[in-house]
Amino acid sequence: MADAGVTLRRAEARPMAGVAAFAGAGDVQGALAQAFGVAAPARPGRVEGQGVAISCVGAGHWLVAGGEAGLPARLRTLLDGQAAVTDQSDMWDVTCLHGSSVREALARCVQVDLHPSRFGAGDVALTRAGHLDVILWCMADGAVGERFEIAVWRSYAGSLHHALHAAAGAFGVHVAD
């Protein structure tokens, strides 16, 4: 549908792990940087390296996604004694959004200032979409197109999709396979 202002697509399932640093237990950011070739952000943000995305979702807390199926086990070994690692692969439902009106549609349902000067590529927010707790990532903005990902607990995926359809309805919605 060429005239859709917003396209929604469910992301393929991917390995995901939560990492929570133990107080004073070591350099978790350094270990992640050495393992994946990118500096893990210290504040809400997202970086990619060696097939994984590392998102800071709070002080000393990261969500690591992508890579091989054994990602949580690899992280447990890497961060042994430095951080708690939880397999969250089955916890999240992730939706990809893009289109000419995606910022305007998201602004109708999330509690984040989405102006590109405030929320641009690589930014992450733990926020609400409608009445649901979500993680929102800005994947790209500007010349390469407006792209976002939004994650919700898997059991609330239907409610999030309803909220996204309602928010984007005025702009035209296309649901991609």
C-alpha atoms as a PDB file:
ATOM      1  CA  MET A   1       0.000   0.000   0.000  1.00  0.00           C
ATOM      2  CA  ALA A   2       1.903   3.040  -1.287  1.00  0.00           C
ATOM      3  CA  ASP A   3      -0.288   5.667   0.409  1.00  0.00           C
ATOM      4  CA  ALA A   4       0.050   4.307   3.962  1.00  0.00           C
ATOM      5  CA  GLY A   5       1.621   6.823   6.306  1.00  0.00           C
ATOM      6  CA  VAL A   6       2.575   4.079   8.749  1.00  0.00           C
ATOM      7  CA  THR A   7       3.615   0.493   8.120  1.00  0.00           C
ATOM      8  CA  LEU A   8       3.593  -2.002  10.992  1.00  0.00           C
ATOM      9  CA  ARG A   9       5.464  -5.305  10.904  1.00  0.00           C
ATOM     10  CA  ARG A  10       6.082  -7.789  13.667  1.00  0.00           C
ATOM     11  CA  ALA A  11       9.798  -8.384  14.086  1.00  0.00           C
ATOM     12  CA  GLU A  12      11.111 -11.895  13.850  1.00  0.00           C
ATOM     13  CA  ALA A  13      11.842 -13.557  17.163  1.00  0.00           C
ATOM     14  CA  ARG A  14      15.402 -12.997  18.303  1.00  0.00           C
ATOM     15  CA  PRO A  15      17.478 -13.981  21.306  1.00  0.00           C
ATOM     16  CA  MET A  16      17.234 -11.358  24.062  1.00  0.00           C
ATOM     17  CA  ALA A  17      18.884 -11.144  27.444  1.00  0.00           C
ATOM     18  CA  GLY A  18      18.561  -8.718  30.316  1.00  0.00           C
ATOM     19  CA  VAL A  19      21.819  -7.745  32.025  1.00  0.00           C
ATOM     20  CA  ALA A  20      21.852  -6.158  35.489  1.00  0.00           C
ATOM     21  CA  ALA A  21      25.272  -5.218  36.849  1.00  0.00           C
ATOM     22  CA  PHE A  22      26.091  -6.180  40.432  1.00  0.00           C
ATOM     23  CA  ALA A  23      27.142  -3.154  42.497  1.00  0.00           C
ATOM     24  CA  GLY A  24      30.934  -2.873  42.558  1.00  0.00           C
ATOM     25  CA  ALA A  25      31.413  -6.252  40.877  1.00  0.00           C
ATOM     26  CA  GLY A  26      33.374  -5.292  37.777  1.00  0.00           C
ATOM     27  CA  ASP A  27      33.326  -3.555  34.439  1.00  0.00           C
ATOM     28  CA  VAL A  28      30.230  -4.876  32.686  1.00  0.00           C
ATOM     29  CA  GLN A  29      30.389  -2.175  30.015  1.00  0.00           C
ATOM     30  CA  GLY A  30      34.015  -3.055  29.284  1.00  0.00           C
ATOM     31  CA  ALA A  31      33.226  -6.771  29.033  1.00  0.00           C
ATOM     32  CA  LEU A  32      30.334  -6.095  26.637  1.00  0.00           C
ATOM     33  CA  ALA A  33      32.539  -3.780  24.563  1.00  0.00           C
ATOM     34  CA  GLN A  34      35.278  -6.388  24.325  1.00  0.00           C
ATOM     35  CA  ALA A  35      32.814  -9.136  23.370  1.00  0.00           C
ATOM     36  CA  PHE A  36      30.849  -7.174  20.761  1.00  0.00           C
ATOM     37  CA  GLY A  37      33.224  -4.436  19.603  1.00  0.00           C
ATOM     38  CA  VAL A  38      31.057  -1.492  20.674  1.00  0.00           C
ATOM     39  CA  ALA A  39      30.865   0.519  23.869  1.00  0.00           C
ATOM     40  CA  ALA A  40      27.655  -0.326  25.725  1.00  0.00           C
ATOM     41  CA  PRO A  41      25.801   2.922  26.427  1.00  0.00           C
ATOM     42  CA  ALA A  42      25.797   4.216  30.008  1.00  0.00           C
ATOM     43  CA  ARG A  43      22.528   6.114  29.531  1.00  0.00           C
ATOM     44  CA  PRO A  44      19.387   5.195  27.592  1.00  0.00           C
ATOM     45  CA  GLY A  45      20.593   4.491  24.084  1.00  0.00           C
ATOM     46  CA  ARG A  46      21.267   1.717  21.599  1.00  0.00           C
ATOM     47  CA  VAL A  47      24.383   0.537  19.782  1.00  0.00           C
ATOM     48  CA  GLU A  48      25.002  -2.367  17.419  1.00  0.00           C
ATOM     49  CA  GLY A  49      28.043  -4.555  17.039  1.00  0.00           C
ATOM     50  CA  GLN A  50      28.804  -8.047  15.761  1.00  0.00           C
ATOM     51  CA  GLY A  51      25.156  -8.857  15.101  1.00  0.00           C
ATOM     52  CA  VAL A  52      23.743  -7.750  18.455  1.00  0.00           C
ATOM     53  CA  ALA A  53      22.063  -4.598  19.694  1.00  0.00           C
ATOM     54  CA  ILE A  54      22.841  -3.378  23.201  1.00  0.00           C
ATOM     55  CA  SER A  55      20.311  -1.006  24.747  1.00  0.00           C
ATOM     56  CA  CYS A  56      20.814   0.728  28.060  1.00  0.00           C
ATOM     57  CA  VAL A  57      17.421   0.591  29.778  1.00  0.00           C
ATOM     58  CA  GLY A  58      18.489   2.055  33.124  1.00  0.00           C
ATOM     59  CA  ALA A  59      21.547   2.610  35.284  1.00  0.00           C
ATOM     60  CA  GLY A  60      23.562  -0.607  35.129  1.00  0.00           C
ATOM     61  CA  HIS A  61      20.849  -2.397  33.113  1.00  0.00           C
ATOM     62  CA  TRP A  62      21.002  -3.432  29.462  1.00  0.00           C
ATOM     63  CA  LEU A  63      18.902  -5.414  27.029  1.00  0.00           C
ATOM     64  CA  VAL A  64      21.061  -7.341  24.565  1.00  0.00           C
ATOM     65  CA  ALA A  65      19.272  -8.667  21.476  1.00  0.00           C
ATOM     66  CA  GLY A  66      20.181 -10.593  18.350  1.00  0.00           C
ATOM     67  CA  GLY A  67      23.053 -12.858  17.556  1.00  0.00           C
ATOM     68  CA  GLU A  68      23.029 -16.588  18.047  1.00  0.00           C
ATOM     69  CA  ALA A  69      20.436 -18.630  19.945  1.00  0.00           C
ATOM     70  CA  GLY A  70      22.894 -19.160  22.811  1.00  0.00           C
ATOM     71  CA  LEU A  71      23.225 -15.435  23.525  1.00  0.00           C
ATOM     72  CA  PRO A  72      21.928 -15.577  27.138  1.00  0.00           C
ATOM     73  CA  ALA A  73      24.291 -18.453  28.004  1.00  0.00           C
ATOM     74  CA  ARG A  74      27.211 -16.651  26.340  1.00  0.00           C
ATOM     75  CA  LEU A  75      26.468 -13.533  28.389  1.00  0.00           C
ATOM     76  CA  ARG A  76      26.200 -15.554  31.624  1.00  0.00           C
ATOM     77  CA  THR A  77      29.681 -16.950  30.995  1.00  0.00           C
ATOM     78  CA  LEU A  78      31.102 -13.584  29.946  1.00  0.00           C
ATOM     79  CA  LEU A  79      29.655 -11.698  32.919  1.00  0.00           C
ATOM     80  CA  ASP A  80      29.964 -14.391  35.600  1.00  0.00           C
ATOM     81  CA  GLY A  81      30.172 -12.663  38.973  1.00  0.00           C
ATOM     82  CA  GLN A  82      29.674  -9.206  37.426  1.00  0.00           C
ATOM     83  CA  ALA A  83      25.990  -9.202  36.470  1.00  0.00           C
ATOM     84  CA  ALA A  84      22.736 -11.109  36.584  1.00  0.00           C
ATOM     85  CA  VAL A  85      21.712 -12.303  33.123  1.00  0.00           C
ATOM     86  CA  THR A  86      18.134 -13.348  32.339  1.00  0.00           C
ATOM     87  CA  ASP A  87      16.910 -14.955  29.136  1.00  0.00           C
ATOM     88  CA  GLN A  88      14.121 -12.684  27.869  1.00  0.00           C
ATOM     89  CA  SER A  89      13.808 -14.186  24.394  1.00  0.00           C
ATOM     90  CA  ASP A  90      10.198 -15.271  24.961  1.00  0.00           C
ATOM     91  CA  MET A  91       9.204 -12.233  26.996  1.00  0.00           C
ATOM     92  CA  TRP A  92       8.935  -9.489  24.361  1.00  0.00           C
ATOM     93  CA  ASP A  93       6.863  -8.932  21.230  1.00  0.00           C
ATOM     94  CA  VAL A  94       8.599  -6.396  18.983  1.00  0.00           C
ATOM     95  CA  THR A  95       6.863  -4.365  16.275  1.00  0.00           C
ATOM     96  CA  CYS A  96       8.736  -2.426  13.587  1.00  0.00           C
ATOM     97  CA  LEU A  97       7.172   0.844  12.415  1.00  0.00           C
ATOM     98  CA  HIS A  98       8.109   3.080   9.515  1.00  0.00           C
ATOM     99  CA  GLY A  99       6.561   5.547   7.139  1.00  0.00           C
ATOM    100  CA  SER A 100       6.138   9.218   6.423  1.00  0.00           C
ATOM    101  CA  SER A 101       3.806   9.759   9.408  1.00  0.00           C
ATOM    102  CA  VAL A 102       5.280   7.373  11.966  1.00  0.00           C
ATOM    103  CA  ARG A 103       6.406  10.089  14.410  1.00  0.00           C
ATOM    104  CA  GLU A 104       2.992  11.752  14.292  1.00  0.00           C
ATOM    105  CA  ALA A 105       1.221   8.433  14.875  1.00  0.00           C
ATOM    106  CA  LEU A 106       3.492   7.448  17.764  1.00  0.00           C
ATOM    107  CA  ALA A 107       3.030  10.884  19.338  1.00  0.00           C
ATOM    108  CA  ARG A 108      -0.648  10.026  19.718  1.00  0.00           C
ATOM    109  CA  CYS A 109       0.089   7.092  22.022  1.00  0.00           C
ATOM    110  CA  VAL A 110       3.537   7.369  23.665  1.00  0.00           C
ATOM    111  CA  GLN A 111       4.666   9.715  26.412  1.00  0.00           C
ATOM    112  CA  VAL A 112       7.924  10.822  24.782  1.00  0.00           C
ATOM    113  CA  ASP A 113       8.927  14.012  23.004  1.00  0.00           C
ATOM    114  CA  LEU A 114       9.436  12.548  19.533  1.00  0.00           C
ATOM    115  CA  HIS A 115      10.828  15.651  17.858  1.00  0.00           C
ATOM    116  CA  PRO A 116      13.944  14.510  15.953  1.00  0.00           C
ATOM    117  CA  SER A 117      16.110  16.907  17.988  1.00  0.00           C
ATOM    118  CA  ARG A 118      14.960  15.134  21.191  1.00  0.00           C
ATOM    119  CA  PHE A 119      14.550  11.512  20.077  1.00  0.00           C
ATOM    120  CA  GLY A 120      16.717  10.428  17.172  1.00  0.00           C
ATOM    121  CA  ALA A 121      18.528   7.382  15.834  1.00  0.00           C
ATOM    122  CA  GLY A 122      20.001   5.334  18.665  1.00  0.00           C
ATOM    123  CA  ASP A 123      17.714   6.746  21.354  1.00  0.00           C
ATOM    124  CA  VAL A 124      15.749   4.451  23.673  1.00  0.00           C
ATOM    125  CA  ALA A 125      12.847   5.178  26.016  1.00  0.00           C
ATOM    126  CA  LEU A 126      11.067   3.073  28.591  1.00  0.00           C
ATOM    127  CA  THR A 127       7.631   4.614  28.397  1.00  0.00           C
ATOM    128  CA  ARG A 128       3.944   3.890  27.985  1.00  0.00           C
ATOM    129  CA  ALA A 129       1.977   3.371  24.803  1.00  0.00           C
ATOM    130  CA  GLY A 130      -1.627   3.892  25.745  1.00  0.00           C
ATOM    131  CA  HIS A 131      -1.851   2.008  29.034  1.00  0.00           C
ATOM    132  CA  LEU A 132       1.043  -0.412  28.338  1.00  0.00           C
ATOM    133  CA  ASP A 133       4.667  -0.334  29.476  1.00  0.00           C
ATOM    134  CA  VAL A 134       6.918  -0.483  26.407  1.00  0.00           C
ATOM    135  CA  ILE A 135      10.471  -0.022  25.210  1.00  0.00           C
ATOM    136  CA  LEU A 136      10.725   2.345  22.234  1.00  0.00           C
ATOM    137  CA  TRP A 137      13.781   2.526  19.969  1.00  0.00           C
ATOM    138  CA  CYS A 138      14.437   5.063  17.233  1.00  0.00           C
ATOM    139  CA  MET A 139      16.237   2.999  14.631  1.00  0.00           C
ATOM    140  CA  ALA A 140      16.724   5.655  11.947  1.00  0.00           C
ATOM    141  CA  ASP A 141      15.570   9.154  11.192  1.00  0.00           C
ATOM    142  CA  GLY A 142      16.042  11.843   8.601  1.00  0.00           C
ATOM    143  CA  ALA A 143      17.213  11.019   5.086  1.00  0.00           C
ATOM    144  CA  VAL A 144      17.194   7.237   5.565  1.00  0.00           C
ATOM    145  CA  GLY A 145      13.552   7.276   6.659  1.00  0.00           C
ATOM    146  CA  GLU A 146      11.721   7.228   9.936  1.00  0.00           C
ATOM    147  CA  ARG A 147      12.001   3.793  11.587  1.00  0.00           C
ATOM    148  CA  PHE A 148      11.132   2.714  15.124  1.00  0.00           C
ATOM    149  CA  GLU A 149      10.791  -0.503  17.066  1.00  0.00           C
ATOM    150  CA  ILE A 150       8.493  -0.908  20.040  1.00  0.00           C
ATOM    151  CA  ALA A 151       8.518  -3.859  22.443  1.00  0.00           C
ATOM    152  CA  VAL A 152       5.805  -4.927  24.841  1.00  0.00           C
ATOM    153  CA  TRP A 153       5.391  -7.972  27.046  1.00  0.00           C
ATOM    154  CA  ARG A 154       4.254 -10.718  24.729  1.00  0.00           C
ATOM    155  CA  SER A 155       0.917 -11.242  26.489  1.00  0.00           C
ATOM    156  CA  TYR A 156      -0.004  -7.592  25.769  1.00  0.00           C
ATOM    157  CA  ALA A 157       0.908  -7.630  22.065  1.00  0.00           C
ATOM    158  CA  GLY A 158      -2.722  -7.581  20.915  1.00  0.00           C
ATOM    159  CA  SER A 159      -3.471  -4.511  23.042  1.00  0.00           C
ATOM    160  CA  LEU A 160      -0.395  -2.699  21.730  1.00  0.00           C
ATOM    161  CA  HIS A 161      -1.302  -3.462  18.112  1.00  0.00           C
ATOM    162  CA  HIS A 162      -4.805  -2.127  18.743  1.00  0.00           C
ATOM    163  CA  ALA A 163      -3.338   1.099  20.223  1.00  0.00           C
ATOM    164  CA  LEU A 164      -0.919   1.485  17.299  1.00  0.00           C
ATOM    165  CA  HIS A 165      -3.708   0.973  14.727  1.00  0.00           C
ATOM    166  CA  ALA A 166      -5.880   3.555  16.492  1.00  0.00           C
ATOM    167  CA  ALA A 167      -3.011   6.060  16.694  1.00  0.00           C
ATOM    168  CA  ALA A 168      -2.012   5.600  13.051  1.00  0.00           C
ATOM    169  CA  GLY A 169      -5.505   5.323  11.576  1.00  0.00           C
ATOM    170  CA  ALA A 170      -5.703   8.942  10.449  1.00  0.00           C
ATOM    171  CA  PHE A 171      -2.455   8.546   8.477  1.00  0.00           C
ATOM    172  CA  GLY A 172      -3.224   5.262   6.763  1.00  0.00           C
ATOM    173  CA  VAL A 173      -1.939   1.962   8.135  1.00  0.00           C
ATOM    174  CA  HIS A 174      -0.402  -0.957   6.306  1.00  0.00           C
ATOM    175  CA  VAL A 175       0.321  -4.189   8.151  1.00  0.00           C
ATOM    176  CA  ALA A 176       3.237  -5.977   6.472  1.00  0.00           C
ATOM    177  CA  ASP A 177       3.924  -9.677   6.675  1.00  0.00           C
END
